[in-house]
Amino acid sequence: MAASVNESPVAPTGLEPAGLGPRLAAIVIDWVLCLLIASIYASPAEAAWPPVVILVVANTFFLGLFGQTPGMRLTRIRCASYPDGGVIGLRRAAIRGVLLGLFIPAMIMDGQGRGLHDRAAGSIVAAIRRG
């Protein structure tokens, strides 16, 4: 499904899509945490897959139950269900996590900043309003 040029930057839920800076900062924070955890039992230089598996599992758990990973919490963004703004649940978080582990889907975004992994999971990464 291609993004329309006239597509509104505001989601139907009224959520404001998060900018690329906070999204990138959040994934870097989460990736560093995954590397640290994986390095406890495997050297990332020798086996590249453990941090990726930890990233998928962590994203599934945190997004499925809480709507935020630790990196997202620090950067004040959250992952919400696109149609209603609620938590996406474990099944949709697993789909999103596996596709995020492939990295390429996250780099292909539409006008609302939703990557292929967000569209497949029916989610949007939104800024948390200060208040």
Protein backbone atom coordinates (compact mmCIF):
# COMPACT_ATOMS: atom_id res chain seq x y z
CA MET A 1 0.00 0.00 0.00
CA ALA A 2 1.67 3.21 -1.16
CA ALA A 3 1.51 6.41 0.87
CA SER A 4 -0.52 9.20 -0.61
CA VAL A 5 1.15 12.56 -1.17
CA ASN A 6 -1.81 14.24 0.56
CA GLU A 7 -1.77 11.85 3.52
CA SER A 8 -2.26 13.69 6.80
CA PRO A 9 0.65 13.61 9.27
CA VAL A 10 -1.82 13.08 12.12
CA ALA A 11 -3.10 9.55 12.71
CA PRO A 12 -6.85 8.84 12.91
CA THR A 13 -6.39 8.47 16.66
CA GLY A 14 -5.18 12.07 16.91
CA LEU A 15 -1.67 10.90 17.82
CA GLU A 16 1.24 12.95 16.53
CA PRO A 17 3.79 10.69 14.82
CA ALA A 18 7.19 10.71 16.50
CA GLY A 19 10.04 12.35 14.64
CA LEU A 20 12.94 10.44 13.18
CA GLY A 21 15.38 11.76 15.84
CA PRO A 22 13.58 10.33 18.88
CA ARG A 23 12.87 7.07 17.02
CA LEU A 24 16.52 6.68 16.11
CA ALA A 25 17.67 7.55 19.64
CA ALA A 26 15.24 4.99 21.10
CA ILE A 27 16.41 2.16 18.85
CA VAL A 28 20.07 2.99 19.57
CA ILE A 29 19.40 2.87 23.34
CA ASP A 30 17.50 -0.42 22.99
CA TRP A 31 20.22 -1.88 20.73
CA VAL A 32 22.99 -0.98 23.22
CA LEU A 33 20.98 -2.64 26.01
CA CYS A 34 20.55 -5.76 23.85
CA LEU A 35 24.29 -5.83 23.09
CA LEU A 36 25.11 -5.56 26.80
CA ILE A 37 22.70 -8.35 27.72
CA ALA A 38 23.91 -10.59 24.87
CA SER A 39 27.56 -10.01 25.79
CA ILE A 40 26.93 -11.69 29.16
CA TYR A 41 26.73 -15.09 27.47
CA ALA A 42 28.01 -14.58 23.91
CA SER A 43 30.49 -12.29 22.23
CA PRO A 44 28.67 -10.11 19.65
CA ALA A 45 31.90 -10.16 17.60
CA GLU A 46 31.69 -13.96 17.31
CA ALA A 47 27.90 -14.46 17.08
CA ALA A 48 25.81 -11.64 15.65
CA TRP A 49 22.37 -13.22 16.19
CA PRO A 50 21.96 -13.11 20.03
CA PRO A 51 21.47 -9.31 20.25
CA VAL A 52 18.94 -9.46 17.39
CA VAL A 53 16.97 -12.21 19.13
CA ILE A 54 17.02 -10.22 22.37
CA LEU A 55 15.82 -7.12 20.48
CA VAL A 56 12.89 -9.05 18.98
CA VAL A 57 11.94 -10.62 22.33
CA ALA A 58 12.31 -7.32 24.23
CA ASN A 59 10.25 -5.43 21.65
CA THR A 60 7.55 -8.10 21.74
CA PHE A 61 7.37 -8.03 25.54
CA PHE A 62 7.62 -4.29 26.17
CA LEU A 63 5.52 -3.08 23.23
CA GLY A 64 2.96 -5.85 23.56
CA LEU A 65 2.30 -5.19 27.23
CA PHE A 66 3.35 -1.59 27.92
CA GLY A 67 3.56 0.22 24.56
CA GLN A 68 7.15 1.37 25.18
CA THR A 69 10.62 -0.10 25.19
CA PRO A 70 13.17 1.35 27.64
CA GLY A 71 14.61 3.48 24.82
CA MET A 72 11.16 4.76 23.89
CA ARG A 73 10.47 5.68 27.49
CA LEU A 74 13.68 7.70 27.69
CA THR A 75 12.93 9.52 24.42
CA ARG A 76 9.25 10.12 25.31
CA ILE A 77 7.67 8.19 22.46
CA ARG A 78 5.36 5.18 22.41
CA CYS A 79 4.08 2.54 20.03
CA ALA A 80 0.30 2.51 19.79
CA SER A 81 -2.37 0.70 17.84
CA TYR A 82 -2.99 2.67 14.67
CA PRO A 83 -6.78 2.47 14.66
CA ASP A 84 -7.45 3.25 18.33
CA GLY A 85 -4.26 4.41 20.10
CA GLY A 86 -4.18 1.51 22.59
CA VAL A 87 -1.48 -1.08 23.33
CA ILE A 88 -0.82 -3.36 20.34
CA GLY A 89 -0.71 -6.69 22.19
CA LEU A 90 1.82 -9.51 22.04
CA ARG A 91 0.88 -10.98 18.64
CA ARG A 92 1.15 -7.67 16.78
CA ALA A 93 4.26 -6.73 18.78
CA ALA A 94 5.89 -10.03 17.71
CA ILE A 95 5.16 -9.29 14.04
CA ARG A 96 6.58 -5.80 14.45
CA GLY A 97 9.63 -7.08 16.35
CA VAL A 98 10.55 -9.71 13.77
CA LEU A 99 10.28 -7.19 10.95
CA LEU A 100 12.28 -4.64 12.96
CA GLY A 101 14.98 -7.29 13.37
CA LEU A 102 15.26 -7.31 9.57
CA PHE A 103 15.93 -3.51 9.76
CA ILE A 104 15.02 -2.73 6.13
CA PRO A 105 11.25 -2.42 6.76
CA ALA A 106 11.92 0.27 9.38
CA MET A 107 13.70 2.42 6.81
CA ILE A 108 10.76 2.47 4.36
CA MET A 109 8.31 5.02 5.80
CA ASP A 110 5.07 6.59 4.66
CA GLY A 111 3.90 10.18 5.18
CA GLN A 112 3.03 9.47 8.82
CA GLY A 113 6.43 8.00 9.65
CA ARG A 114 5.05 4.46 9.74
CA GLY A 115 7.58 1.90 8.55
CA LEU A 116 6.61 -1.35 6.88
CA HIS A 117 6.91 -3.05 10.29
CA ASP A 118 4.38 -0.55 11.74
CA ARG A 119 1.97 -1.01 8.86
CA ALA A 120 2.18 -4.81 9.08
CA ALA A 121 1.50 -4.67 12.83
CA GLY A 122 -1.16 -1.95 12.60
CA SER A 123 0.87 0.37 14.83
CA ILE A 124 2.27 3.89 14.91
CA VAL A 125 5.14 5.36 16.91
CA ALA A 126 3.82 8.56 18.46
CA ALA A 127 5.23 11.40 20.50
CA ILE A 128 4.07 11.60 24.11
CA ARG A 129 2.49 14.95 24.77
CA ARG A 130 3.95 16.85 27.66
CA GLY A 131 1.42 17.92 30.14
